[in-house]
Amino acid sequence: MTGFIQIITSVASQAEAERIGRALVERRLAACMHVSGPITSVYRWQDKIETSSEWVCAVKTSAGLYANVEAAIRELHSYEVPEILAAPIVAGSTAYLDWLRSELIDPSEIETA
């Protein structure tokens, strides 16, 4: 186990994806965020089947920062109930994982309210 995770969220526009990605990277909560889309999502919301275009965001971060990333996504996201799912990164190239580590804030350095 590497201690790193990838968090997935989907958003309503490319501009929203870029705004969230920039904020996460500026705050050093993410080393990077990949944006893919548009994709088509089909889901049930408030007893209706909905179809919409969305952009998928893949956030690279550490497990220790999950709560902070989730809070930032909730703060910046336009959806009432945003998708926020985390999966462990079980392996990766040493050089990439070293870079990832160097770009993230240490969780112990984050002020809590």
C-alpha atoms as a PDB file:
ATOM      1  CA  MET A   1       0.000   0.000   0.000  1.00  0.00           C
ATOM      2  CA  THR A   2       1.327   3.417  -0.956  1.00  0.00           C
ATOM      3  CA  GLY A   3      -0.722   5.675   1.337  1.00  0.00           C
ATOM      4  CA  PHE A   4      -2.048   7.474  -1.724  1.00  0.00           C
ATOM      5  CA  ILE A   5      -5.606   7.524  -3.023  1.00  0.00           C
ATOM      6  CA  GLN A   6      -7.500   8.645  -6.081  1.00  0.00           C
ATOM      7  CA  ILE A   7     -10.753  10.483  -5.426  1.00  0.00           C
ATOM      8  CA  ILE A   8     -13.386  10.576  -8.143  1.00  0.00           C
ATOM      9  CA  THR A   9     -16.053  13.235  -8.470  1.00  0.00           C
ATOM     10  CA  SER A  10     -18.193  14.354 -11.385  1.00  0.00           C
ATOM     11  CA  VAL A  11     -19.258  17.907 -12.128  1.00  0.00           C
ATOM     12  CA  ALA A  12     -21.640  19.766 -14.428  1.00  0.00           C
ATOM     13  CA  SER A  13     -19.087  21.635 -16.551  1.00  0.00           C
ATOM     14  CA  GLN A  14     -15.468  21.748 -17.590  1.00  0.00           C
ATOM     15  CA  ALA A  15     -15.163  25.189 -15.973  1.00  0.00           C
ATOM     16  CA  GLU A  16     -16.362  23.793 -12.634  1.00  0.00           C
ATOM     17  CA  ALA A  17     -13.897  20.897 -12.920  1.00  0.00           C
ATOM     18  CA  GLU A  18     -11.014  23.270 -13.592  1.00  0.00           C
ATOM     19  CA  ARG A  19     -12.043  25.559 -10.713  1.00  0.00           C
ATOM     20  CA  ILE A  20     -12.130  22.644  -8.251  1.00  0.00           C
ATOM     21  CA  GLY A  21      -8.864  21.198  -9.575  1.00  0.00           C
ATOM     22  CA  ARG A  22      -7.067  24.524  -9.338  1.00  0.00           C
ATOM     23  CA  ALA A  23      -8.288  25.070  -5.757  1.00  0.00           C
ATOM     24  CA  LEU A  24      -7.202  21.587  -4.637  1.00  0.00           C
ATOM     25  CA  VAL A  25      -3.752  21.965  -6.197  1.00  0.00           C
ATOM     26  CA  GLU A  26      -3.289  25.529  -4.877  1.00  0.00           C
ATOM     27  CA  ARG A  27      -4.177  24.323  -1.362  1.00  0.00           C
ATOM     28  CA  ARG A  28      -1.733  21.388  -1.834  1.00  0.00           C
ATOM     29  CA  LEU A  29      -4.573  18.964  -1.094  1.00  0.00           C
ATOM     30  CA  ALA A  30      -3.974  17.337  -4.479  1.00  0.00           C
ATOM     31  CA  ALA A  31      -0.851  16.929  -6.565  1.00  0.00           C
ATOM     32  CA  CYS A  32      -2.965  16.901  -9.707  1.00  0.00           C
ATOM     33  CA  MET A  33      -6.471  16.314 -10.986  1.00  0.00           C
ATOM     34  CA  HIS A  34      -7.300  14.792 -14.356  1.00  0.00           C
ATOM     35  CA  VAL A  35     -10.496  15.923 -16.069  1.00  0.00           C
ATOM     36  CA  SER A  36     -12.288  13.754 -18.633  1.00  0.00           C
ATOM     37  CA  GLY A  37     -15.425  14.550 -20.515  1.00  0.00           C
ATOM     38  CA  PRO A  38     -17.953  15.226 -21.391  1.00  0.00           C
ATOM     39  CA  ILE A  39     -19.443  11.874 -20.477  1.00  0.00           C
ATOM     40  CA  THR A  40     -23.098  10.910 -20.302  1.00  0.00           C
ATOM     41  CA  SER A  41     -24.470  10.019 -16.869  1.00  0.00           C
ATOM     42  CA  VAL A  42     -27.786   8.260 -16.289  1.00  0.00           C
ATOM     43  CA  TYR A  43     -29.048   8.273 -12.705  1.00  0.00           C
ATOM     44  CA  ARG A  44     -32.122   8.488 -10.512  1.00  0.00           C
ATOM     45  CA  TRP A  45     -32.624  11.811  -8.714  1.00  0.00           C
ATOM     46  CA  GLN A  46     -35.740  12.762  -6.768  1.00  0.00           C
ATOM     47  CA  ASP A  47     -37.729   9.834  -8.220  1.00  0.00           C
ATOM     48  CA  LYS A  48     -36.878  10.686 -11.843  1.00  0.00           C
ATOM     49  CA  ILE A  49     -34.474   9.057 -14.261  1.00  0.00           C
ATOM     50  CA  GLU A  50     -32.105  11.803 -15.407  1.00  0.00           C
ATOM     51  CA  THR A  51     -29.514  11.986 -18.175  1.00  0.00           C
ATOM     52  CA  SER A  52     -26.859  14.679 -18.212  1.00  0.00           C
ATOM     53  CA  SER A  53     -23.424  15.556 -19.519  1.00  0.00           C
ATOM     54  CA  GLU A  54     -20.741  15.629 -16.859  1.00  0.00           C
ATOM     55  CA  TRP A  55     -16.980  15.864 -16.490  1.00  0.00           C
ATOM     56  CA  VAL A  56     -15.173  13.259 -14.374  1.00  0.00           C
ATOM     57  CA  CYS A  57     -12.408  14.449 -12.066  1.00  0.00           C
ATOM     58  CA  ALA A  58      -9.703  12.112 -10.745  1.00  0.00           C
ATOM     59  CA  VAL A  59      -7.875  13.674  -7.795  1.00  0.00           C
ATOM     60  CA  LYS A  60      -4.449  12.280  -6.782  1.00  0.00           C
ATOM     61  CA  THR A  61      -3.778  12.765  -3.065  1.00  0.00           C
ATOM     62  CA  SER A  62      -2.843  10.981   0.165  1.00  0.00           C
ATOM     63  CA  ALA A  63      -5.174   8.997   2.379  1.00  0.00           C
ATOM     64  CA  GLY A  64      -4.349  11.372   5.231  1.00  0.00           C
ATOM     65  CA  LEU A  65      -5.820  14.281   3.271  1.00  0.00           C
ATOM     66  CA  TYR A  66      -9.101  12.586   2.336  1.00  0.00           C
ATOM     67  CA  ALA A  67     -11.282  14.489   4.831  1.00  0.00           C
ATOM     68  CA  ASN A  68      -9.814  17.828   3.723  1.00  0.00           C
ATOM     69  CA  VAL A  69     -10.297  17.035   0.033  1.00  0.00           C
ATOM     70  CA  GLU A  70     -13.872  15.909   0.658  1.00  0.00           C
ATOM     71  CA  ALA A  71     -14.610  19.129   2.571  1.00  0.00           C
ATOM     72  CA  ALA A  72     -13.093  21.252  -0.223  1.00  0.00           C
ATOM     73  CA  ILE A  73     -15.072  19.433  -2.912  1.00  0.00           C
ATOM     74  CA  ARG A  74     -18.299  19.917  -0.928  1.00  0.00           C
ATOM     75  CA  GLU A  75     -17.457  23.617  -0.500  1.00  0.00           C
ATOM     76  CA  LEU A  76     -16.777  24.175  -4.208  1.00  0.00           C
ATOM     77  CA  HIS A  77     -19.189  21.729  -5.875  1.00  0.00           C
ATOM     78  CA  SER A  78     -22.486  22.837  -7.393  1.00  0.00           C
ATOM     79  CA  TYR A  79     -24.370  19.586  -6.685  1.00  0.00           C
ATOM     80  CA  GLU A  80     -26.468  19.063  -3.583  1.00  0.00           C
ATOM     81  CA  VAL A  81     -25.054  15.532  -3.239  1.00  0.00           C
ATOM     82  CA  PRO A  82     -21.767  15.292  -5.145  1.00  0.00           C
ATOM     83  CA  GLU A  83     -20.173  11.969  -5.963  1.00  0.00           C
ATOM     84  CA  ILE A  84     -17.024  11.659  -3.841  1.00  0.00           C
ATOM     85  CA  LEU A  85     -15.448   8.205  -3.952  1.00  0.00           C
ATOM     86  CA  ALA A  86     -11.917   7.220  -2.940  1.00  0.00           C
ATOM     87  CA  ALA A  87      -9.880   4.212  -4.029  1.00  0.00           C
ATOM     88  CA  PRO A  88      -6.434   3.246  -2.822  1.00  0.00           C
ATOM     89  CA  ILE A  89      -3.462   3.487  -5.136  1.00  0.00           C
ATOM     90  CA  VAL A  90      -1.822   0.135  -4.448  1.00  0.00           C
ATOM     91  CA  ALA A  91       1.280   0.626  -6.586  1.00  0.00           C
ATOM     92  CA  GLY A  92       2.951   3.161  -8.848  1.00  0.00           C
ATOM     93  CA  SER A  93       6.301   4.185 -10.245  1.00  0.00           C
ATOM     94  CA  THR A  94       8.683   5.351  -7.556  1.00  0.00           C
ATOM     95  CA  ALA A  95       9.422   8.613  -9.369  1.00  0.00           C
ATOM     96  CA  TYR A  96       5.714   9.461  -9.736  1.00  0.00           C
ATOM     97  CA  LEU A  97       4.884   8.593  -6.124  1.00  0.00           C
ATOM     98  CA  ASP A  98       7.862  10.659  -4.918  1.00  0.00           C
ATOM     99  CA  TRP A  99       6.596  13.611  -6.979  1.00  0.00           C
ATOM    100  CA  LEU A 100       3.071  13.120  -5.621  1.00  0.00           C
ATOM    101  CA  ARG A 101       4.381  13.157  -2.046  1.00  0.00           C
ATOM    102  CA  SER A 102       6.441  16.304  -2.688  1.00  0.00           C
ATOM    103  CA  GLU A 103       3.412  18.248  -3.966  1.00  0.00           C
ATOM    104  CA  LEU A 104       1.072  17.545  -1.037  1.00  0.00           C
ATOM    105  CA  ILE A 105       0.793  19.336   2.248  1.00  0.00           C
ATOM    106  CA  ASP A 106       1.554  17.226   5.308  1.00  0.00           C
ATOM    107  CA  PRO A 107      -1.797  16.586   7.044  1.00  0.00           C
ATOM    108  CA  SER A 108      -0.248  17.601  10.365  1.00  0.00           C
ATOM    109  CA  GLU A 109       0.338  21.107   8.967  1.00  0.00           C
ATOM    110  CA  ILE A 110      -3.352  21.755   8.334  1.00  0.00           C
ATOM    111  CA  GLU A 111      -5.067  23.973  10.865  1.00  0.00           C
ATOM    112  CA  THR A 112      -8.274  22.608  12.327  1.00  0.00           C
ATOM    113  CA  ALA A 113     -11.115  24.825  13.395  1.00  0.00           C
END
